Amino acid sequence: MGDGEKSLPSLEATILVKGAAEAEARVAADTLEGSCLKHFQVVRLLGRGGMGAVYYGNDTSLERPVAIKILAPELAHDPEVVARFEREARAQARLRHPNVAQIYFIGEDRGVHFFVMEHLEGPGLDSLLARPEPLPWAQALEYTIAAARGLRAASAQGFVHRDVKPSNLMLDREAGIKILDFGLVKSMHGDSQLTRDGAIIGSPLYMSPEQGRGGTVDLRSDIYSLGCALYHMLCGRPPFTGPSPVGVITMHVTDKAAPVRVVNPNVPEVLARIAERMMAKEPADRFANYDDLLAALEGARADRRELSGFRTRGIALAIDAVLLSVVGYFVGLWVLAAAFAYFVLFHRLLGQTPGKWLLGIRVENAAEGRISWKAALIRFLVFAWGPLAWTILAVVVYSLHREQHVSFRLASLTLSQLALPAVYVALATVILVAYLAGFLLVAFHPRRLALHDILARTEVRFKARPPAEQVVEAVKATTLTRRPR
């Protein structure tokens, strides 16, 4: 279910209306599943949009999953629509950016026009917004930053998306957000025959006032639509809803949305101001460009948490080791049980051991929340496997050779006598190297994860505060000053 389906499905759907007449897009049933287009196998339907359908497919030449977007058959006879469809592919193919879905191929087969892009697991942002509860503001902020970076790349190439909405923002583990569907993209370099003023193009729930009036649009129109998506994430509802698309479009033009902090008091004032400035009715009152917008958004990360590196984690572990050594002096072998309780309880209940607390780092799950008992237990077992393996090896060696008296002269040792000790030393060395490799992975992993982080699905983060002057500038940047009329 998409976010617009809470009122009417048509509110979130992309519409294309020329002049005063509304053209309803019709997508006919098809039998493409199981067929091939060029060297792409069509597997199953993923969804439908304003211009056609998207299928999950397989690139048989490179053996990789892909998404195949197909122009609706009844639209394929319109040269203007075909040109727009191909233009979407060309526009998106030119945008090589982590926050824009990549286009692989464009073609036509047996009268079917299609293009192929990378397949993203998703889900779409609209699926998160299907519930009435708002997203955590920090999460909404990161999604908005990622989308703004992708739109900045499009703007640098001279393009305005014109249909920014949650269903076109796909969640991605590495990039955060990838922007989809440049089907309504407008080139600032021309192509006026495909994008004419006087056409109402976009999605009613997130449409800028100038789009609603059929006027000229630029990058500030996309900033408005992204602001509406941010408002939806922060408040759990779009800025405007109504019984009909025309009514919602009118609200974007004439009405003012309820203040963010009135709807959700938990949102920081700086972020609320940013969202409201993005949704200013007049383009001149919004952020002038994406650099200004991103500076304000990133400045709102006043209490953002960043991944901790190898050095800090190593020092914290050393502090914990000293504390446990003191305990071990008094309790002997019971120190193993003490270590188990120490790491599992501190990580589960507080998110940090005393060593981590002193250095300001914390163990969290992927959503920056407290880890579960299961994660704390897995994390400790993987963390402690090296010492446990050495202990087991020592017990085995002692059990096998406790009745033997060892006395030798180096000059008289034979290779057969050295073989067994060499095996023991080799095993101990392998354990040491493998154990240290699990820790050293932090220095090379893109998300600074050790082996125990990967298996327990945890992260070690610290609270990063930007310089005070950056916060001040962010607040100033979000203070909307009205221009004299």
Protein backbone atom coordinates (compact mmCIF):
# COMPACT_ATOMS: atom_id res chain seq x y z
CA MET A 1 0.00 0.00 0.00
CA GLY A 2 1.35 3.43 -0.89
CA ASP A 3 1.14 6.50 1.26
CA GLY A 4 -1.55 8.10 -0.83
CA GLU A 5 -3.88 5.15 -0.43
CA LYS A 6 -4.97 6.36 2.98
CA SER A 7 -7.32 8.77 1.22
CA LEU A 8 -7.57 7.92 -2.45
CA PRO A 9 -5.09 5.93 -4.57
CA SER A 10 -5.25 8.63 -7.23
CA LEU A 11 -3.81 11.22 -4.86
CA GLU A 12 -0.37 9.60 -4.76
CA ALA A 13 -0.44 8.44 -8.37
CA THR A 14 1.34 10.46 -10.99
CA ILE A 15 -1.09 12.40 -13.16
CA LEU A 16 -0.64 14.22 -16.44
CA VAL A 17 -3.26 16.86 -17.21
CA LYS A 18 -2.94 19.23 -20.19
CA GLY A 19 -4.83 22.49 -19.95
CA ALA A 20 -8.10 21.98 -18.08
CA ALA A 21 -8.75 18.42 -19.27
CA GLU A 22 -7.66 15.46 -17.18
CA ALA A 23 -6.25 12.44 -19.04
CA GLU A 24 -6.71 9.20 -17.16
CA ALA A 25 -3.88 6.71 -17.72
CA ARG A 26 -5.01 3.18 -18.45
CA VAL A 27 -2.69 0.19 -18.12
CA ALA A 28 -4.03 -2.93 -19.78
CA ALA A 29 -3.47 -6.47 -18.58
CA ASP A 30 -0.47 -8.09 -20.19
CA THR A 31 1.03 -11.51 -20.74
CA LEU A 32 4.70 -10.56 -20.57
CA GLU A 33 5.58 -12.68 -17.55
CA GLY A 34 7.77 -15.57 -18.64
CA SER A 35 8.69 -13.97 -21.97
CA CYS A 36 11.97 -12.40 -23.09
CA LEU A 37 12.71 -8.90 -24.33
CA LYS A 38 16.05 -8.99 -26.13
CA HIS A 39 18.32 -10.85 -23.67
CA PHE A 40 16.21 -9.96 -20.62
CA GLN A 41 13.83 -12.53 -19.15
CA VAL A 42 10.64 -11.08 -17.66
CA VAL A 43 9.92 -12.92 -14.41
CA ARG A 44 7.14 -11.20 -12.46
CA LEU A 45 5.27 -7.92 -12.10
CA LEU A 46 6.55 -5.56 -9.42
CA GLY A 47 4.14 -2.65 -9.91
CA ARG A 48 2.53 -0.16 -12.24
CA GLY A 49 3.06 3.56 -12.72
CA GLY A 50 1.67 6.41 -14.75
CA MET A 51 3.38 5.33 -17.97
CA GLY A 52 3.62 1.56 -17.69
CA ALA A 53 4.65 -1.40 -15.58
CA VAL A 54 7.83 -2.50 -13.84
CA TYR A 55 8.87 -6.16 -13.79
CA TYR A 56 11.48 -8.14 -11.95
CA GLY A 57 13.69 -9.75 -14.55
CA ASN A 58 16.95 -11.48 -15.29
CA ASP A 59 19.79 -10.28 -17.49
CA THR A 60 20.68 -13.58 -19.17
CA SER A 61 23.92 -12.25 -20.65
CA LEU A 62 25.41 -11.10 -17.34
CA GLU A 63 23.31 -13.30 -15.03
CA ARG A 64 22.13 -10.55 -12.71
CA PRO A 65 18.70 -9.47 -11.45
CA VAL A 66 17.26 -6.34 -13.05
CA ALA A 67 14.12 -4.22 -13.07
CA ILE A 68 12.44 -3.86 -16.46
CA LYS A 69 10.21 -0.85 -17.06
CA ILE A 70 7.79 -1.31 -19.94
CA LEU A 71 5.74 1.38 -21.63
CA ALA A 72 2.01 0.63 -21.53
CA PRO A 73 0.87 -0.81 -24.92
CA GLU A 74 -1.90 1.74 -25.42
CA LEU A 75 0.65 4.56 -24.97
CA ALA A 76 3.25 3.11 -27.33
CA HIS A 77 1.38 4.49 -30.37
CA ASP A 78 1.85 8.09 -29.23
CA PRO A 79 5.21 9.39 -30.55
CA GLU A 80 5.32 12.06 -27.84
CA VAL A 81 4.83 9.53 -25.06
CA VAL A 82 7.44 7.18 -26.56
CA ALA A 83 9.86 10.08 -26.79
CA ARG A 84 9.18 10.96 -23.13
CA PHE A 85 9.69 7.35 -22.10
CA GLU A 86 13.01 7.12 -23.94
CA ARG A 87 13.99 10.49 -22.55
CA GLU A 88 13.49 9.15 -19.02
CA ALA A 89 15.99 6.39 -19.74
CA ARG A 90 18.52 8.74 -21.30
CA ALA A 91 18.21 11.23 -18.48
CA GLN A 92 18.58 8.65 -15.75
CA ALA A 93 21.43 6.87 -17.58
CA ARG A 94 23.44 10.10 -17.54
CA LEU A 95 23.08 10.38 -13.76
CA ARG A 96 25.80 8.23 -12.27
CA HIS A 97 25.33 8.82 -8.57
CA PRO A 98 24.93 6.48 -5.55
CA ASN A 99 21.51 7.99 -4.83
CA VAL A 100 20.10 7.52 -8.35
CA ALA A 101 19.05 4.12 -9.72
CA GLN A 102 21.31 3.13 -12.61
CA ILE A 103 20.00 2.46 -16.12
CA TYR A 104 21.59 -0.49 -17.96
CA PHE A 105 19.77 -0.72 -21.32
CA ILE A 106 17.05 0.82 -23.46
CA GLY A 107 15.40 -0.88 -26.41
CA GLU A 108 12.32 -2.10 -28.26
CA ASP A 109 11.31 -5.68 -29.00
CA ARG A 110 8.22 -6.75 -30.99
CA GLY A 111 6.63 -3.34 -30.49
CA VAL A 112 7.32 -3.27 -26.74
CA HIS A 113 9.33 -0.26 -25.60
CA PHE A 114 11.32 -0.85 -22.43
CA PHE A 115 14.41 0.04 -20.48
CA VAL A 116 16.33 -1.93 -17.87
CA MET A 117 17.72 -0.61 -14.59
CA GLU A 118 19.34 -2.01 -11.48
CA HIS A 119 17.06 -4.04 -9.27
CA LEU A 120 16.75 -2.68 -5.74
CA GLU A 121 15.49 -4.82 -2.88
CA GLY A 122 13.80 -1.83 -1.31
CA PRO A 123 11.23 -1.42 0.05
CA GLY A 124 10.03 1.95 -1.16
CA LEU A 125 9.76 4.79 1.32
CA ASP A 126 6.00 4.75 0.77
CA SER A 127 5.78 1.34 2.45
CA LEU A 128 7.26 2.83 5.64
CA LEU A 129 4.73 5.64 5.48
CA ALA A 130 1.75 3.32 5.05
CA ARG A 131 1.39 3.45 8.84
CA PRO A 132 0.09 6.65 10.47
CA GLU A 133 3.02 6.89 12.89
CA PRO A 134 5.84 9.29 11.97
CA LEU A 135 9.35 7.99 11.36
CA PRO A 136 12.08 8.79 13.90
CA TRP A 137 13.18 12.30 12.97
CA ALA A 138 16.86 11.31 12.68
CA GLN A 139 15.93 8.58 10.20
CA ALA A 140 13.73 10.97 8.21
CA LEU A 141 16.59 13.46 8.13
CA GLU A 142 19.05 10.91 6.72
CA TYR A 143 16.58 9.81 4.03
CA THR A 144 16.06 13.44 3.02
CA ILE A 145 19.80 14.12 2.85
CA ALA A 146 20.32 11.07 0.63
CA ALA A 147 17.48 12.09 -1.71
CA ALA A 148 18.73 15.69 -1.85
CA ARG A 149 22.17 14.46 -2.90
CA GLY A 150 20.67 12.49 -5.78
CA LEU A 151 18.54 15.44 -6.86
CA ARG A 152 21.57 17.70 -6.70
CA ALA A 153 23.31 15.36 -9.16
CA ALA A 154 20.27 15.58 -11.46
CA SER A 155 20.23 19.36 -11.18
CA ALA A 156 23.92 19.51 -12.06
CA GLN A 157 23.04 17.72 -15.31
CA GLY A 158 20.28 20.25 -15.96
CA PHE A 159 17.30 18.11 -14.95
CA VAL A 160 14.27 18.67 -12.74
CA HIS A 161 12.57 15.44 -11.63
CA ARG A 162 9.02 16.88 -11.18
CA ASP A 163 7.66 13.74 -9.48
CA VAL A 164 9.53 13.45 -6.19
CA LYS A 165 7.41 11.34 -3.83
CA PRO A 166 7.95 8.46 -1.38
CA SER A 167 7.12 5.73 -3.90
CA ASN A 168 9.95 7.04 -6.10
CA LEU A 169 12.43 6.94 -3.21
CA MET A 170 13.70 3.39 -2.78
CA LEU A 171 15.44 2.36 0.44
CA ASP A 172 18.95 1.05 -0.12
CA ARG A 173 21.28 -0.44 2.50
CA GLU A 174 24.42 1.24 1.19
CA ALA A 175 23.18 4.56 -0.21
CA GLY A 176 20.20 5.11 2.13
CA ILE A 177 17.89 6.25 -0.69
CA LYS A 178 17.93 5.78 -4.46
CA ILE A 179 15.72 7.93 -6.66
CA LEU A 180 13.57 6.17 -9.25
CA ASP A 181 11.30 7.14 -12.12
CA PHE A 182 12.54 10.09 -14.10
CA GLY A 183 9.53 9.69 -16.39
CA LEU A 184 8.45 13.32 -15.89
CA VAL A 185 11.93 14.77 -15.82
CA LYS A 186 12.32 18.16 -17.42
CA SER A 187 15.52 19.18 -19.13
CA MET A 188 16.54 22.77 -18.53
CA HIS A 189 18.40 22.55 -21.84
CA GLY A 190 15.37 22.28 -24.10
CA ASP A 191 13.05 19.48 -25.29
CA SER A 192 10.12 21.87 -25.03
CA GLN A 193 8.07 19.68 -27.33
CA LEU A 194 8.00 17.03 -24.62
CA THR A 195 7.47 19.28 -21.62
CA ARG A 196 5.24 22.25 -22.24
CA ASP A 197 4.12 24.85 -19.75
CA GLY A 198 0.39 24.71 -19.13
CA ALA A 199 0.58 21.01 -18.25
CA ILE A 200 -0.17 19.85 -14.72
CA ILE A 201 2.34 17.07 -14.14
CA GLY A 202 3.14 15.27 -10.90
CA SER A 203 1.55 13.62 -7.86
CA PRO A 204 -1.10 15.65 -5.99
CA LEU A 205 0.11 14.85 -2.46
CA TYR A 206 3.59 16.23 -3.16
CA MET A 207 3.01 18.71 -5.99
CA SER A 208 4.51 22.19 -5.84
CA PRO A 209 2.16 25.18 -6.19
CA GLU A 210 3.73 26.19 -9.51
CA GLN A 211 3.13 22.66 -10.83
CA GLY A 212 -0.47 22.89 -9.67
CA ARG A 213 -0.88 26.12 -11.59
CA GLY A 214 0.75 24.61 -14.68
CA GLY A 215 3.54 27.15 -14.49
CA THR A 216 7.27 27.03 -15.08
CA VAL A 217 9.25 24.79 -12.73
CA ASP A 218 12.89 24.53 -11.71
CA LEU A 219 14.88 22.70 -9.04
CA ARG A 220 12.96 24.55 -6.31
CA SER A 221 9.86 22.65 -7.36
CA ASP A 222 11.64 19.37 -6.51
CA ILE A 223 12.76 20.93 -3.21
CA TYR A 224 9.10 21.62 -2.43
CA SER A 225 8.09 18.02 -3.23
CA LEU A 226 10.97 16.65 -1.15
CA GLY A 227 9.85 18.96 1.65
CA CYS A 228 6.37 17.43 1.45
CA ALA A 229 7.91 13.95 1.69
CA LEU A 230 9.97 15.08 4.71
CA TYR A 231 6.81 16.53 6.29
CA HIS A 232 5.08 13.17 5.74
CA MET A 233 7.96 11.32 7.40
CA LEU A 234 8.03 13.68 10.39
CA CYS A 235 4.28 14.00 10.90
CA GLY A 236 2.96 10.62 9.78
CA ARG A 237 0.72 12.24 7.16
CA PRO A 238 1.12 14.35 4.02
CA PRO A 239 0.82 18.13 4.41
CA PHE A 240 -2.54 18.12 2.60
CA THR A 241 -5.17 15.46 1.99
CA GLY A 242 -8.64 15.61 0.47
CA PRO A 243 -11.30 13.69 -1.40
CA SER A 244 -10.01 14.55 -4.87
CA PRO A 245 -6.71 15.29 -6.65
CA VAL A 246 -7.95 18.73 -7.74
CA GLY A 247 -8.81 19.63 -4.15
CA VAL A 248 -5.38 18.61 -2.88
CA ILE A 249 -3.63 20.53 -5.67
CA THR A 250 -5.65 23.62 -4.72
CA MET A 251 -4.51 23.26 -1.11
CA HIS A 252 -0.88 23.25 -2.19
CA VAL A 253 -1.51 26.51 -4.04
CA THR A 254 -3.57 28.35 -1.41
CA ASP A 255 -3.39 26.69 2.03
CA LYS A 256 -0.68 26.50 4.68
CA ALA A 257 0.12 23.12 6.23
CA ALA A 258 -0.10 22.65 9.99
CA PRO A 259 3.29 23.47 11.60
CA VAL A 260 5.49 20.41 11.97
CA ARG A 261 6.00 20.79 15.72
CA VAL A 262 2.26 21.20 16.29
CA VAL A 263 1.70 17.79 14.71
CA ASN A 264 4.83 16.19 16.21
CA PRO A 265 6.45 18.11 19.13
CA ASN A 266 9.38 15.63 19.16
CA VAL A 267 10.86 17.08 15.96
CA PRO A 268 13.76 19.51 16.65
CA GLU A 269 12.91 23.11 15.87
CA VAL A 270 15.74 23.44 13.34
CA LEU A 271 14.50 20.46 11.30
CA ALA A 272 10.90 21.70 11.47
CA ARG A 273 12.00 25.06 10.10
CA ILE A 274 13.89 23.38 7.28
CA ALA A 275 10.83 21.35 6.24
CA GLU A 276 8.59 24.40 6.36
CA ARG A 277 11.01 26.50 4.33
CA MET A 278 11.25 23.73 1.73
CA MET A 279 7.44 23.93 1.42
CA ALA A 280 7.24 27.72 1.07
CA LYS A 281 4.54 28.71 -1.43
CA GLU A 282 6.83 31.04 -3.37
CA PRO A 283 9.90 29.43 -4.98
CA ALA A 284 12.01 32.45 -4.00
CA ASP A 285 11.28 31.74 -0.32
CA ARG A 286 12.66 28.18 -0.53
CA PHE A 287 16.30 27.15 -0.55
CA ALA A 288 17.90 28.57 -3.67
CA ASN A 289 19.88 25.41 -4.47
CA TYR A 290 20.77 21.97 -3.15
CA ASP A 291 24.06 23.11 -1.64
CA ASP A 292 22.18 25.47 0.68
CA LEU A 293 19.59 22.80 1.44
CA LEU A 294 22.18 20.14 2.23
CA ALA A 295 24.17 22.54 4.42
CA ALA A 296 21.04 23.15 6.49
CA LEU A 297 20.04 19.48 6.63
CA GLU A 298 23.51 18.32 7.63
CA GLY A 299 23.69 21.08 10.20
CA ALA A 300 20.50 19.70 11.74
CA ARG A 301 22.45 16.56 12.63
CA ALA A 302 23.30 18.23 15.94
CA ASP A 303 23.34 14.90 17.77
CA ARG A 304 24.15 12.58 14.90
CA ARG A 305 25.89 9.30 15.62
CA GLU A 306 28.80 8.15 13.50
CA LEU A 307 30.61 4.83 13.28
CA SER A 308 33.53 4.44 15.63
CA GLY A 309 36.95 3.44 14.31
CA PHE A 310 39.52 0.82 15.26
CA ARG A 311 41.68 3.02 17.49
CA THR A 312 38.89 4.19 19.80
CA ARG A 313 37.44 0.71 20.09
CA GLY A 314 40.88 -0.73 20.84
CA ILE A 315 41.48 1.74 23.68
CA ALA A 316 38.04 0.98 25.14
CA LEU A 317 38.78 -2.75 25.02
CA ALA A 318 42.11 -2.19 26.76
CA ILE A 319 40.36 -0.31 29.58
CA ASP A 320 37.84 -3.14 29.95
CA ALA A 321 40.68 -5.70 29.96
CA VAL A 322 42.45 -3.86 32.80
CA LEU A 323 39.25 -3.80 34.86
CA LEU A 324 38.68 -7.52 34.27
CA SER A 325 42.30 -8.28 35.17
CA VAL A 326 41.75 -6.65 38.55
CA VAL A 327 38.64 -8.78 39.03
CA GLY A 328 40.56 -11.88 37.94
CA TYR A 329 43.19 -11.27 40.61
CA PHE A 330 40.52 -11.81 43.26
CA VAL A 331 38.27 -14.46 41.68
CA GLY A 332 40.73 -16.57 39.68
CA LEU A 333 39.16 -18.70 36.94
CA TRP A 334 35.77 -17.28 37.76
CA VAL A 335 36.92 -14.29 35.74
CA LEU A 336 35.50 -16.04 32.64
CA ALA A 337 32.01 -15.93 34.14
CA ALA A 338 32.63 -12.36 35.25
CA ALA A 339 33.64 -11.40 31.70
CA PHE A 340 30.49 -13.01 30.32
CA ALA A 341 28.27 -11.05 32.72
CA TYR A 342 30.35 -7.89 32.23
CA PHE A 343 30.03 -7.68 28.44
CA VAL A 344 26.55 -9.17 27.97
CA LEU A 345 24.82 -7.18 30.72
CA PHE A 346 26.53 -3.86 30.01
CA HIS A 347 25.94 -4.09 26.25
CA ARG A 348 22.32 -5.18 26.59
CA LEU A 349 21.22 -2.85 29.39
CA LEU A 350 23.37 0.23 28.82
CA GLY A 351 24.78 -0.24 25.33
CA GLN A 352 28.31 0.35 26.59
CA THR A 353 30.90 -1.09 28.97
CA PRO A 354 32.80 1.24 31.33
CA GLY A 355 35.61 1.43 28.76
CA LYS A 356 33.20 2.47 26.01
CA TRP A 357 31.47 4.91 28.37
CA LEU A 358 34.76 6.67 29.13
CA LEU A 359 35.39 7.15 25.39
CA GLY A 360 31.79 8.05 24.50
CA ILE A 361 31.04 5.12 22.20
CA ARG A 362 28.04 2.82 22.28
CA VAL A 363 26.95 -0.52 20.81
CA GLU A 364 23.67 -0.15 18.89
CA ASN A 365 21.54 -2.01 16.40
CA ALA A 366 21.15 -0.80 12.82
CA ALA A 367 18.32 1.56 13.86
CA GLU A 368 20.60 3.15 16.49
CA GLY A 369 18.65 1.53 19.30
CA ARG A 370 19.47 -0.82 22.16
CA ILE A 371 20.61 -4.29 21.13
CA SER A 372 18.70 -7.45 22.05
CA TRP A 373 19.76 -10.20 24.50
CA LYS A 374 20.40 -12.45 21.52
CA ALA A 375 22.66 -9.89 19.87
CA ALA A 376 24.53 -9.29 23.14
CA LEU A 377 25.08 -13.02 23.58
CA ILE A 378 26.22 -13.60 19.97
CA ARG A 379 28.49 -10.59 20.18
CA PHE A 380 30.19 -11.92 23.34
CA LEU A 381 30.59 -15.48 22.05
CA VAL A 382 32.20 -14.31 18.81
CA PHE A 383 34.29 -11.78 20.71
CA ALA A 384 35.47 -14.42 23.21
CA TRP A 385 36.07 -17.36 20.87
CA GLY A 386 39.83 -16.73 20.72
CA PRO A 387 40.50 -16.91 24.47
CA LEU A 388 38.09 -19.85 24.72
CA ALA A 389 39.94 -21.67 21.92
CA TRP A 390 43.29 -21.06 23.63
CA THR A 391 41.85 -22.33 26.91
CA ILE A 392 40.54 -25.48 25.24
CA LEU A 393 43.89 -26.04 23.52
CA ALA A 394 45.73 -25.64 26.83
CA VAL A 395 43.38 -28.10 28.54
CA VAL A 396 43.85 -30.64 25.75
CA VAL A 397 47.65 -30.34 25.86
CA TYR A 398 47.65 -30.66 29.65
CA SER A 399 45.32 -33.67 29.60
CA LEU A 400 47.44 -35.51 27.01
CA HIS A 401 50.83 -34.78 28.53
CA ARG A 402 50.31 -34.23 32.24
CA GLU A 403 52.13 -37.50 33.13
CA GLN A 404 55.13 -36.65 30.99
CA HIS A 405 58.31 -35.02 32.25
CA VAL A 406 59.83 -32.65 29.72
CA SER A 407 63.61 -32.37 29.66
CA PHE A 408 65.69 -31.84 26.56
CA ARG A 409 68.85 -30.43 25.06
CA LEU A 410 68.46 -28.28 21.99
CA ALA A 411 71.47 -29.89 20.26
CA SER A 412 70.01 -33.38 20.58
CA LEU A 413 66.39 -32.65 19.50
CA THR A 414 65.14 -34.59 16.46
CA LEU A 415 62.50 -33.57 13.93
CA SER A 416 60.10 -36.21 15.27
CA GLN A 417 60.43 -34.76 18.76
CA LEU A 418 59.74 -31.26 17.43
CA ALA A 419 56.70 -32.28 15.37
CA LEU A 420 54.08 -32.33 18.15
CA PRO A 421 55.16 -29.06 19.82
CA ALA A 422 55.23 -27.46 16.37
CA VAL A 423 51.63 -28.57 15.78
CA TYR A 424 50.56 -27.01 19.08
CA VAL A 425 52.38 -23.76 18.33
CA ALA A 426 50.89 -23.67 14.82
CA LEU A 427 47.35 -24.16 16.20
CA ALA A 428 47.88 -21.42 18.75
CA THR A 429 49.22 -19.12 16.01
CA VAL A 430 46.29 -19.83 13.69
CA ILE A 431 43.87 -19.05 16.51
CA LEU A 432 45.71 -15.81 17.26
CA VAL A 433 45.81 -14.65 13.63
CA ALA A 434 42.15 -15.53 12.98
CA TYR A 435 41.09 -13.90 16.23
CA LEU A 436 42.97 -10.68 15.53
CA ALA A 437 41.66 -10.65 11.95
CA GLY A 438 38.13 -10.43 13.32
CA PHE A 439 39.10 -7.21 15.11
CA LEU A 440 41.30 -5.78 12.37
CA LEU A 441 38.32 -6.05 9.99
CA VAL A 442 37.14 -2.76 11.55
CA ALA A 443 39.97 -0.91 9.83
CA PHE A 444 38.96 -2.15 6.36
CA HIS A 445 35.19 -2.69 6.51
CA PRO A 446 33.22 0.17 4.83
CA ARG A 447 30.97 0.40 7.89
CA ARG A 448 33.76 -0.19 10.42
CA LEU A 449 32.38 -3.52 11.59
CA ALA A 450 34.32 -6.24 13.39
CA LEU A 451 33.42 -9.91 12.97
CA HIS A 452 31.29 -9.89 16.13
CA ASP A 453 29.44 -6.79 14.83
CA ILE A 454 28.62 -8.51 11.54
CA LEU A 455 27.33 -11.72 13.12
CA ALA A 456 25.39 -9.93 15.87
CA ARG A 457 24.18 -7.19 13.47
CA THR A 458 25.40 -4.41 15.72
CA GLU A 459 27.36 -1.20 15.19
CA VAL A 460 29.61 0.84 17.46
CA ARG A 461 28.89 4.56 17.23
CA PHE A 462 29.79 7.81 18.89
CA LYS A 463 27.84 11.02 19.20
CA ALA A 464 29.26 13.57 16.78
CA ARG A 465 28.51 17.21 17.29
CA PRO A 466 29.25 19.67 14.49
CA PRO A 467 31.15 22.85 15.30
CA ALA A 468 29.04 25.42 17.11
CA GLU A 469 29.27 27.86 14.20
CA GLN A 470 27.80 25.21 11.86
CA VAL A 471 24.74 24.82 14.08
CA VAL A 472 24.33 28.61 14.23
CA GLU A 473 24.50 28.86 10.44
CA ALA A 474 21.98 26.04 10.09
CA VAL A 475 19.54 27.89 12.34
CA LYS A 476 20.08 31.12 10.41
CA ALA A 477 19.61 29.32 7.10
CA THR A 478 16.24 27.98 8.20
CA THR A 479 14.87 31.35 9.30
CA LEU A 480 12.47 32.28 6.56
CA THR A 481 12.70 35.97 5.72
CA ARG A 482 9.84 37.37 3.72
CA ARG A 483 10.68 39.43 0.67
CA PRO A 484 9.07 42.86 0.42
CA ARG A 485 6.02 42.77 -1.80
